[in-house]
Amino acid sequence: MYIIKVKGIAKIPDYVQLRDEKFTLLAYFRVDRPDKSLEKLGFGDKQAYIMSIINDLPFGQVTKLEI
């Protein structure tokens, strides 16, 4: 799975994209509200780990996530 952190502008908040190996969009959620999206994908138990990576990730960089 891949993570991309997208910088928002003005009133648009920062977002995160989760994509699979074929780069198909799995989830798109606000950085400050990941709960429902991660639960829906079945990663609710790994939310703390995923959010720690997202918080340290620079904007616009694609990072591979091994889960």
N, C-alpha and C. Protein backbone atom coordinates (compact mmCIF):
# COMPACT_ATOMS: atom_id res chain seq x y z
N MET A 1 0.84 -1.16 0.00
CA MET A 1 0.00 0.00 0.00
C MET A 1 0.89 1.23 0.00
N TYR A 2 0.41 2.31 -0.59
CA TYR A 2 1.15 3.56 -0.67
C TYR A 2 0.37 4.68 0.01
N ILE A 3 1.10 5.61 0.60
CA ILE A 3 0.51 6.78 1.27
C ILE A 3 1.01 8.03 0.58
N ILE A 4 0.09 8.97 0.33
CA ILE A 4 0.44 10.27 -0.22
C ILE A 4 -0.25 11.31 0.65
N LYS A 5 0.50 12.28 1.14
CA LYS A 5 -0.06 13.35 1.96
C LYS A 5 -0.15 14.59 1.07
N VAL A 6 -1.38 15.15 0.97
CA VAL A 6 -1.66 16.27 0.08
C VAL A 6 -1.92 17.53 0.90
N LYS A 7 -1.19 18.60 0.60
CA LYS A 7 -1.32 19.87 1.32
C LYS A 7 -2.56 20.61 0.83
N GLY A 8 -3.39 21.03 1.76
CA GLY A 8 -4.56 21.82 1.42
C GLY A 8 -4.19 23.29 1.28
N ILE A 9 -5.07 24.05 0.62
CA ILE A 9 -4.83 25.48 0.45
C ILE A 9 -6.05 26.24 0.98
N ALA A 10 -5.78 27.37 1.62
CA ALA A 10 -6.83 28.23 2.17
C ALA A 10 -7.79 27.43 3.05
N LYS A 11 -9.05 27.29 2.64
CA LYS A 11 -10.04 26.59 3.46
C LYS A 11 -10.06 25.09 3.24
N ILE A 12 -9.31 24.59 2.28
CA ILE A 12 -9.25 23.16 2.00
C ILE A 12 -8.22 22.53 2.94
N PRO A 13 -8.63 21.53 3.73
CA PRO A 13 -7.70 20.92 4.69
C PRO A 13 -6.70 19.96 4.02
N ASP A 14 -5.70 19.54 4.79
CA ASP A 14 -4.74 18.55 4.33
C ASP A 14 -5.43 17.19 4.24
N TYR A 15 -5.09 16.42 3.21
CA TYR A 15 -5.67 15.11 3.00
C TYR A 15 -4.61 14.04 2.85
N VAL A 16 -5.02 12.79 3.01
CA VAL A 16 -4.16 11.63 2.82
C VAL A 16 -4.84 10.70 1.83
N GLN A 17 -4.05 10.15 0.91
CA GLN A 17 -4.55 9.14 -0.01
C GLN A 17 -3.86 7.82 0.32
N LEU A 18 -4.63 6.75 0.39
CA LEU A 18 -4.10 5.40 0.52
C LEU A 18 -4.37 4.70 -0.79
N ARG A 19 -3.31 4.13 -1.39
CA ARG A 19 -3.44 3.47 -2.69
C ARG A 19 -2.83 2.07 -2.63
N ASP A 20 -3.37 1.17 -3.45
CA ASP A 20 -2.86 -0.20 -3.46
C ASP A 20 -1.66 -0.33 -4.40
N GLU A 21 -1.21 -1.55 -4.63
CA GLU A 21 -0.02 -1.81 -5.44
C GLU A 21 -0.20 -1.36 -6.89
N LYS A 22 -1.44 -1.35 -7.39
CA LYS A 22 -1.71 -0.90 -8.76
C LYS A 22 -2.04 0.59 -8.79
N PHE A 23 -1.87 1.25 -7.65
CA PHE A 23 -2.10 2.67 -7.45
C PHE A 23 -3.58 3.07 -7.55
N THR A 24 -4.46 2.11 -7.29
CA THR A 24 -5.89 2.38 -7.22
C THR A 24 -6.20 3.02 -5.87
N LEU A 25 -7.00 4.07 -5.88
CA LEU A 25 -7.35 4.78 -4.65
C LEU A 25 -8.19 3.89 -3.74
N LEU A 26 -7.71 3.66 -2.52
CA LEU A 26 -8.44 2.88 -1.52
C LEU A 26 -9.19 3.78 -0.55
N ALA A 27 -8.55 4.86 -0.15
CA ALA A 27 -9.16 5.79 0.82
C ALA A 27 -8.60 7.18 0.61
N TYR A 28 -9.42 8.17 0.92
CA TYR A 28 -9.06 9.57 0.81
C TYR A 28 -9.70 10.25 2.02
N PHE A 29 -8.89 10.72 2.97
CA PHE A 29 -9.45 11.27 4.20
C PHE A 29 -8.62 12.43 4.71
N ARG A 30 -9.26 13.24 5.55
CA ARG A 30 -8.56 14.37 6.17
C ARG A 30 -7.55 13.85 7.18
N VAL A 31 -6.44 14.54 7.30
CA VAL A 31 -5.39 14.13 8.24
C VAL A 31 -5.92 14.11 9.66
N ASP A 32 -6.79 15.05 10.00
CA ASP A 32 -7.30 15.12 11.37
C ASP A 32 -8.52 14.23 11.63
N ARG A 33 -9.02 13.49 10.61
CA ARG A 33 -10.19 12.62 10.79
C ARG A 33 -10.04 11.28 10.05
N PRO A 34 -9.11 10.45 10.48
CA PRO A 34 -8.88 9.19 9.77
C PRO A 34 -9.77 8.03 10.23
N ASP A 35 -10.50 8.21 11.30
CA ASP A 35 -11.20 7.10 11.97
C ASP A 35 -12.04 6.22 11.06
N LYS A 36 -13.06 6.78 10.43
CA LYS A 36 -14.01 5.99 9.65
C LYS A 36 -13.36 5.32 8.45
N SER A 37 -12.47 6.03 7.76
CA SER A 37 -11.83 5.47 6.57
C SER A 37 -10.94 4.28 6.91
N LEU A 38 -10.16 4.40 7.96
CA LEU A 38 -9.29 3.30 8.35
C LEU A 38 -10.08 2.12 8.89
N GLU A 39 -11.16 2.39 9.61
CA GLU A 39 -12.03 1.31 10.10
C GLU A 39 -12.66 0.57 8.92
N LYS A 40 -13.12 1.31 7.93
CA LYS A 40 -13.77 0.73 6.76
C LYS A 40 -12.82 -0.19 5.99
N LEU A 41 -11.54 0.16 5.95
CA LEU A 41 -10.53 -0.66 5.26
C LEU A 41 -10.04 -1.83 6.11
N GLY A 42 -10.42 -1.84 7.39
CA GLY A 42 -9.99 -2.91 8.29
C GLY A 42 -8.67 -2.63 8.98
N PHE A 43 -8.26 -1.37 9.00
CA PHE A 43 -7.01 -0.98 9.65
C PHE A 43 -7.23 -0.20 10.93
N GLY A 44 -8.38 -0.35 11.55
CA GLY A 44 -8.67 0.37 12.78
C GLY A 44 -7.69 0.05 13.89
N ASP A 45 -7.23 -1.20 13.95
CA ASP A 45 -6.28 -1.60 14.98
C ASP A 45 -4.87 -1.09 14.72
N LYS A 46 -4.59 -0.67 13.49
CA LYS A 46 -3.26 -0.15 13.13
C LYS A 46 -3.27 1.37 12.93
N GLN A 47 -4.33 2.02 13.38
CA GLN A 47 -4.49 3.45 13.16
C GLN A 47 -3.35 4.27 13.78
N ALA A 48 -2.92 3.94 14.97
CA ALA A 48 -1.84 4.70 15.63
C ALA A 48 -0.55 4.60 14.82
N TYR A 49 -0.23 3.41 14.32
CA TYR A 49 0.97 3.20 13.52
C TYR A 49 0.90 3.99 12.20
N ILE A 50 -0.23 3.89 11.51
CA ILE A 50 -0.41 4.59 10.22
C ILE A 50 -0.36 6.09 10.43
N MET A 51 -1.00 6.60 11.47
CA MET A 51 -1.02 8.05 11.71
C MET A 51 0.36 8.56 12.11
N SER A 52 1.17 7.75 12.79
CA SER A 52 2.53 8.20 13.13
C SER A 52 3.36 8.37 11.88
N ILE A 53 3.16 7.50 10.90
CA ILE A 53 3.86 7.63 9.62
C ILE A 53 3.35 8.85 8.86
N ILE A 54 2.05 9.04 8.84
CA ILE A 54 1.45 10.18 8.13
C ILE A 54 1.92 11.50 8.72
N ASN A 55 1.97 11.60 10.03
CA ASN A 55 2.38 12.85 10.67
C ASN A 55 3.82 13.23 10.37
N ASP A 56 4.70 12.24 10.17
CA ASP A 56 6.10 12.50 9.86
C ASP A 56 6.36 12.63 8.37
N LEU A 57 5.39 12.31 7.54
CA LEU A 57 5.56 12.31 6.10
C LEU A 57 5.48 13.72 5.52
N PRO A 58 6.43 14.11 4.66
CA PRO A 58 6.34 15.42 4.01
C PRO A 58 5.23 15.41 2.95
N PHE A 59 4.70 16.58 2.65
CA PHE A 59 3.63 16.70 1.67
C PHE A 59 4.15 16.35 0.27
N GLY A 60 3.32 15.64 -0.50
CA GLY A 60 3.62 15.32 -1.88
C GLY A 60 4.54 14.14 -2.10
N GLN A 61 5.00 13.52 -1.06
CA GLN A 61 5.91 12.38 -1.20
C GLN A 61 5.11 11.08 -1.13
N VAL A 62 5.36 10.18 -2.08
CA VAL A 62 4.72 8.88 -2.08
C VAL A 62 5.60 7.93 -1.25
N THR A 63 4.99 7.27 -0.28
CA THR A 63 5.72 6.36 0.61
C THR A 63 5.03 5.00 0.62
N LYS A 64 5.82 3.96 0.50
CA LYS A 64 5.28 2.60 0.56
C LYS A 64 5.08 2.21 2.01
N LEU A 65 3.92 1.65 2.31
CA LEU A 65 3.57 1.23 3.66
C LEU A 65 3.43 -0.27 3.69
N GLU A 66 4.22 -0.92 4.51
CA GLU A 66 4.16 -2.38 4.66
C GLU A 66 3.30 -2.73 5.89
N ILE A 67 2.15 -3.33 5.64
CA ILE A 67 1.27 -3.75 6.74
C ILE A 67 1.01 -5.24 6.60
